[in-house]
Amino acid sequence: MPRKTRISNSREISLPHARTRILAGIALACIPLAFAIHAPEVTAEQTTWWVGADSHVGHPTEDHVGQHLAESVADVNALGIADYAIILGDLVEDRHEYAEVFEETMNALDVEWTYVLGNHDFDEDDHEPVLEPHYAAQTVQGIRFIQLSDELTGFEDRDLVMSGEQESWFWDELETHQDTPIFLFTHQPHWEVEIWPELQERLEDYNIAAWFSAHKHNWNIEEDTEYGFVQINIHSIGGVREDYLSTFLHLETAEDSVEAAVRFRDHQAQEWIAVDGQREVRFSVAR
């Protein structure tokens, strides 16, 4: 059962899961828009997040559109341990028409969900995003979760490229929360984020504790990077191979820290798996 959250009075953002969508205005009567609400501040003592990526709905390897994501969502529901979910980009395979299937499939999930865009989430014909680029932040058990989206099609640049507005917002978030531990959630890993060289020079100013990413369709887990944050680059739900793979992030509040545990899941086999010989990765975040 999802644990209770309370609504904070922090910056108002748009959460993109379709449970909160409304129709706005006569001129836009047929266009679903995200309902603007305050970002929920998660104050529960423990929460579990399903962190998936690269569902590639519509990829030619699927027997039917959305196959990989649907099986993964069914397994997450059967487990019954997730409180929230984040999908880290490449939601679909390069076409607007697959976005509706993605949303319908995610709406079958038993918990609230959100997303960021990846390089494949732009239509191959008009190069427009298939869903609105989503970037947002919320405080979770004393940790600042920051989510960033691609805003340039992968047909032009496969790196994570932000608009000036999103980039300015991101730097403001980092400056405002200099003393707060930060988890970043992006599609591309840090070395493929356009502003990485600038951010790398200023890392000592911020408390980035963990960086969750995807894009590579492979695991890349580094508990002790030279940059001071834990790197969790996750495998893919679908796309290049018959994958059905993702992660779960469990957070438990202790007296002066938050204890994090990351576990790895094969949704098709419906079993927990080991990555590089490890069944889970644990790390502590001082608050």
Protein backbone atom coordinates (compact mmCIF):
# COMPACT_ATOMS: atom_id res chain seq x y z
CA MET A 1 0.00 0.00 0.00
CA PRO A 2 1.44 3.41 -0.94
CA ARG A 3 2.51 5.40 2.09
CA LYS A 4 1.05 8.80 2.81
CA THR A 5 2.63 11.91 1.38
CA ARG A 6 1.88 15.52 2.11
CA ILE A 7 1.71 18.38 -0.31
CA SER A 8 4.36 21.03 0.17
CA ASN A 9 4.14 24.72 -0.59
CA SER A 10 7.21 24.56 -2.84
CA ARG A 11 7.50 25.53 -6.51
CA GLU A 12 4.44 24.58 -8.53
CA ILE A 13 5.17 22.08 -11.29
CA SER A 14 3.30 19.95 -13.78
CA LEU A 15 3.32 16.23 -13.02
CA PRO A 16 2.81 14.37 -16.28
CA HIS A 17 1.07 11.14 -15.27
CA ALA A 18 -2.30 10.94 -16.96
CA ARG A 19 -4.18 10.44 -13.69
CA THR A 20 -3.81 14.19 -13.16
CA ARG A 21 -4.59 15.35 -16.69
CA ILE A 22 -7.44 17.76 -17.39
CA LEU A 23 -8.95 19.41 -20.41
CA ALA A 24 -8.28 23.13 -20.49
CA GLY A 25 -10.21 25.71 -22.48
CA ILE A 26 -12.53 25.46 -25.44
CA ALA A 27 -9.72 25.99 -27.93
CA LEU A 28 -7.77 23.11 -26.36
CA ALA A 29 -10.74 20.92 -25.59
CA CYS A 30 -9.27 17.87 -27.30
CA ILE A 31 -5.70 18.24 -26.00
CA PRO A 32 -4.74 16.51 -22.71
CA LEU A 33 -2.72 18.79 -20.44
CA ALA A 34 -0.90 18.09 -17.21
CA PHE A 35 -2.74 19.41 -14.18
CA ALA A 36 -0.51 21.82 -12.27
CA ILE A 37 -0.13 20.76 -8.65
CA HIS A 38 2.49 21.31 -6.00
CA ALA A 39 5.30 18.77 -5.98
CA PRO A 40 4.61 16.23 -3.24
CA GLU A 41 7.12 16.27 -0.40
CA VAL A 42 7.59 12.65 0.63
CA THR A 43 7.94 12.48 4.38
CA ALA A 44 7.36 8.76 4.94
CA GLU A 45 10.10 6.88 6.79
CA GLN A 46 10.57 4.47 3.90
CA THR A 47 9.59 4.36 0.24
CA THR A 48 10.30 2.17 -2.75
CA TRP A 49 10.62 3.55 -6.27
CA TRP A 50 10.42 1.58 -9.49
CA VAL A 51 13.08 3.11 -11.74
CA GLY A 52 12.76 1.87 -15.32
CA ALA A 53 13.94 3.13 -18.69
CA ASP A 54 14.10 2.54 -22.42
CA SER A 55 10.67 0.95 -22.88
CA HIS A 56 10.89 1.80 -26.61
CA VAL A 57 7.18 1.27 -27.19
CA GLY A 58 6.75 0.52 -30.90
CA HIS A 59 10.21 -0.96 -31.45
CA PRO A 60 10.29 -3.49 -34.34
CA THR A 61 11.38 -6.29 -31.98
CA GLU A 62 7.98 -6.24 -30.21
CA ASP A 63 5.38 -8.83 -31.12
CA HIS A 64 2.77 -6.17 -30.36
CA VAL A 65 3.14 -2.47 -29.56
CA GLY A 66 3.94 -1.94 -25.89
CA GLN A 67 4.70 -5.61 -25.20
CA HIS A 68 7.83 -5.05 -23.10
CA LEU A 69 6.35 -2.26 -21.02
CA ALA A 70 3.05 -4.09 -20.42
CA GLU A 71 4.80 -7.20 -19.10
CA SER A 72 7.03 -5.08 -16.88
CA VAL A 73 4.10 -3.09 -15.45
CA ALA A 74 2.24 -6.33 -14.74
CA ASP A 75 5.23 -7.67 -12.81
CA VAL A 76 5.62 -4.44 -10.81
CA ASN A 77 1.93 -4.61 -9.88
CA ALA A 78 2.23 -8.27 -8.89
CA LEU A 79 5.18 -7.49 -6.62
CA GLY A 80 3.20 -4.80 -4.83
CA ILE A 81 6.26 -3.14 -3.29
CA ALA A 82 6.52 0.11 -5.27
CA ASP A 83 5.19 3.40 -3.95
CA TYR A 84 6.13 5.53 -6.98
CA ALA A 85 7.68 5.05 -10.42
CA ILE A 86 10.03 7.01 -12.69
CA ILE A 87 10.71 6.06 -16.33
CA LEU A 88 14.00 7.48 -17.58
CA GLY A 89 13.43 8.22 -21.24
CA ASP A 90 13.20 6.52 -24.61
CA LEU A 91 9.61 5.88 -23.71
CA VAL A 92 8.71 5.22 -27.35
CA GLU A 93 10.40 4.49 -30.66
CA ASP A 94 10.52 7.75 -32.59
CA ARG A 95 6.81 8.27 -33.34
CA HIS A 96 3.91 10.29 -31.90
CA GLU A 97 1.51 7.38 -32.42
CA TYR A 98 3.18 5.28 -29.73
CA ALA A 99 2.82 7.89 -26.96
CA GLU A 100 -0.82 6.99 -26.33
CA VAL A 101 0.08 3.32 -25.89
CA PHE A 102 2.84 4.30 -23.49
CA GLU A 103 0.46 6.39 -21.38
CA GLU A 104 -2.31 3.79 -21.39
CA THR A 105 0.12 1.08 -20.34
CA MET A 106 1.64 3.18 -17.57
CA ASN A 107 -1.83 4.09 -16.32
CA ALA A 108 -2.34 0.41 -15.57
CA LEU A 109 0.39 0.79 -12.93
CA ASP A 110 -0.98 0.72 -9.38
CA VAL A 111 1.10 3.72 -8.23
CA GLU A 112 1.78 7.28 -9.38
CA TRP A 113 4.39 7.63 -12.09
CA THR A 114 6.39 10.23 -13.91
CA TYR A 115 8.92 10.34 -16.75
CA VAL A 116 11.74 12.21 -18.44
CA LEU A 117 12.30 12.30 -22.20
CA GLY A 118 15.15 10.59 -24.02
CA ASN A 119 16.61 10.97 -27.48
CA HIS A 120 14.03 8.61 -29.08
CA ASP A 121 11.03 10.51 -27.68
CA PHE A 122 10.79 12.77 -30.73
CA ASP A 123 8.86 12.00 -33.90
CA GLU A 124 11.08 10.94 -36.79
CA ASP A 125 9.13 13.11 -39.25
CA ASP A 126 8.54 16.45 -37.51
CA HIS A 127 11.16 16.01 -34.71
CA GLU A 128 8.64 17.25 -32.13
CA PRO A 129 8.52 15.62 -28.66
CA VAL A 130 5.91 12.87 -28.36
CA LEU A 131 5.10 14.02 -24.81
CA GLU A 132 5.79 17.34 -23.15
CA PRO A 133 9.41 17.60 -21.94
CA HIS A 134 9.18 17.07 -18.20
CA TYR A 135 11.59 18.42 -15.64
CA ALA A 136 10.77 18.70 -11.97
CA ALA A 137 12.06 18.40 -8.43
CA GLN A 138 10.67 17.17 -5.15
CA THR A 139 12.02 16.42 -1.69
CA VAL A 140 11.94 12.74 -0.75
CA GLN A 141 12.87 11.85 2.83
CA GLY A 142 15.21 14.82 2.95
CA ILE A 143 16.79 14.11 -0.46
CA ARG A 144 16.14 16.39 -3.45
CA PHE A 145 15.05 14.35 -6.48
CA ILE A 146 15.77 16.30 -9.69
CA GLN A 147 14.51 15.00 -13.04
CA LEU A 148 15.77 16.37 -16.38
CA SER A 149 14.51 15.82 -19.94
CA ASP A 150 15.97 15.91 -23.40
CA GLU A 151 14.61 18.83 -25.43
CA LEU A 152 16.37 18.09 -28.72
CA THR A 153 15.69 15.12 -30.95
CA GLY A 154 18.27 12.37 -31.15
CA PHE A 155 18.24 12.79 -34.91
CA GLU A 156 20.25 15.96 -34.25
CA ASP A 157 22.14 15.17 -31.04
CA ARG A 158 22.10 12.05 -28.87
CA ASP A 159 23.36 13.93 -25.80
CA LEU A 160 20.96 15.31 -23.20
CA VAL A 161 20.33 18.82 -24.48
CA MET A 162 18.20 21.18 -22.38
CA SER A 163 16.45 24.37 -23.35
CA GLY A 164 17.76 27.59 -21.83
CA GLU A 165 14.73 27.67 -19.54
CA GLN A 166 15.29 24.15 -18.22
CA GLU A 167 19.02 24.67 -17.80
CA SER A 168 18.47 27.90 -15.85
CA TRP A 169 15.92 26.12 -13.66
CA PHE A 170 18.40 23.28 -13.04
CA TRP A 171 21.21 25.59 -11.92
CA ASP A 172 18.75 27.41 -9.66
CA GLU A 173 17.76 24.07 -8.11
CA LEU A 174 21.40 23.21 -7.42
CA GLU A 175 22.14 26.64 -5.95
CA THR A 176 19.00 26.63 -3.79
CA HIS A 177 19.73 23.16 -2.39
CA GLN A 178 23.50 23.32 -1.94
CA ASP A 179 23.28 21.74 1.51
CA THR A 180 20.72 19.10 0.52
CA PRO A 181 21.70 15.68 -0.82
CA ILE A 182 20.60 15.38 -4.45
CA PHE A 183 19.61 12.42 -6.62
CA LEU A 184 19.62 13.18 -10.36
CA PHE A 185 17.40 11.27 -12.80
CA THR A 186 18.23 11.61 -16.50
CA HIS A 187 18.07 9.51 -19.65
CA GLN A 188 21.73 9.83 -20.61
CA PRO A 189 24.53 9.17 -18.10
CA HIS A 190 26.50 12.16 -16.90
CA TRP A 191 29.21 11.97 -19.53
CA GLU A 192 26.56 12.41 -22.28
CA VAL A 193 24.85 15.44 -20.72
CA GLU A 194 25.68 18.57 -22.74
CA ILE A 195 26.46 20.69 -19.68
CA TRP A 196 28.54 18.00 -17.96
CA PRO A 197 31.92 19.76 -18.42
CA GLU A 198 30.57 22.87 -16.70
CA LEU A 199 28.84 20.88 -13.98
CA GLN A 200 31.95 18.80 -13.38
CA GLU A 201 33.96 21.95 -12.67
CA ARG A 202 31.42 22.99 -10.04
CA LEU A 203 30.64 19.63 -8.41
CA GLU A 204 32.25 20.60 -5.12
CA ASP A 205 29.62 23.31 -4.69
CA TYR A 206 26.79 20.78 -4.66
CA ASN A 207 25.87 17.62 -2.80
CA ILE A 208 25.02 15.22 -5.63
CA ALA A 209 24.80 11.85 -3.89
CA ALA A 210 23.53 9.61 -6.71
CA TRP A 211 22.90 9.84 -10.43
CA PHE A 212 20.38 7.47 -12.06
CA SER A 213 20.50 7.19 -15.85
CA ALA A 214 19.90 4.79 -18.75
CA HIS A 215 20.38 5.09 -22.55
CA LYS A 216 23.18 2.53 -22.92
CA HIS A 217 20.96 -0.60 -22.66
CA ASN A 218 23.46 -1.98 -20.21
CA TRP A 219 24.31 -1.90 -16.53
CA ASN A 220 26.94 0.53 -15.27
CA ILE A 221 27.01 0.53 -11.47
CA GLU A 222 29.76 2.48 -9.70
CA GLU A 223 29.44 2.88 -5.96
CA ASP A 224 32.57 5.01 -5.61
CA THR A 225 33.02 7.27 -8.63
CA GLU A 226 35.78 9.83 -8.81
CA TYR A 227 33.07 12.52 -8.75
CA GLY A 228 31.73 11.61 -5.34
CA PHE A 229 28.30 10.34 -6.41
CA VAL A 230 26.99 6.81 -6.86
CA GLN A 231 26.41 6.04 -10.56
CA ILE A 232 23.42 3.79 -11.32
CA ASN A 233 23.08 3.39 -15.07
CA ILE A 234 20.25 0.92 -15.58
CA HIS A 235 19.47 -1.65 -18.25
CA SER A 236 16.46 -1.42 -20.59
CA ILE A 237 12.86 -2.58 -20.45
CA GLY A 238 12.72 -3.02 -24.23
CA GLY A 239 14.23 -2.06 -27.52
CA VAL A 240 17.51 -3.45 -28.75
CA ARG A 241 17.20 -6.85 -27.11
CA GLU A 242 14.63 -8.92 -25.27
CA ASP A 243 15.44 -7.15 -22.02
CA TYR A 244 12.53 -6.56 -19.58
CA LEU A 245 15.08 -5.29 -17.04
CA SER A 246 14.87 -2.47 -14.50
CA THR A 247 15.67 -1.46 -10.92
CA PHE A 248 13.99 -0.73 -7.62
CA LEU A 249 15.27 1.96 -5.26
CA HIS A 250 14.38 1.52 -1.59
CA LEU A 251 14.94 4.40 0.84
CA GLU A 252 14.75 4.07 4.62
CA THR A 253 15.21 7.00 6.95
CA ALA A 254 17.63 6.54 9.85
CA GLU A 255 18.51 8.99 12.62
CA ASP A 256 20.90 11.18 10.63
CA SER A 257 20.93 9.50 7.21
CA VAL A 258 18.86 7.80 4.55
CA GLU A 259 19.87 4.24 3.75
CA ALA A 260 19.47 3.41 0.05
CA ALA A 261 19.29 -0.02 -1.55
CA VAL A 262 19.10 -0.68 -5.30
CA ARG A 263 17.92 -4.09 -6.54
CA PHE A 264 17.75 -5.45 -10.07
CA ARG A 265 14.72 -7.11 -11.67
CA ASP A 266 14.02 -9.31 -14.70
CA HIS A 267 10.32 -8.70 -15.31
CA GLN A 268 9.90 -11.42 -17.91
CA ALA A 269 11.38 -14.10 -15.66
CA GLN A 270 9.74 -12.42 -12.64
CA GLU A 271 12.86 -12.74 -10.55
CA TRP A 272 15.53 -10.65 -8.85
CA ILE A 273 18.91 -10.85 -10.56
CA ALA A 274 22.54 -10.07 -9.79
CA VAL A 275 24.56 -7.43 -11.66
CA ASP A 276 28.34 -7.85 -11.66
CA GLY A 277 27.88 -10.48 -8.95
CA GLN A 278 25.88 -8.17 -6.68
CA ARG A 279 22.27 -8.83 -5.74
CA GLU A 280 21.93 -5.25 -4.54
CA VAL A 281 23.86 -2.02 -4.09
CA ARG A 282 23.64 -0.24 -0.73
CA PHE A 283 24.81 3.22 0.18
CA SER A 284 24.16 5.76 2.91
CA VAL A 285 23.19 9.40 2.36
CA ALA A 286 23.94 11.80 5.21
CA ARG A 287 21.20 14.36 5.87
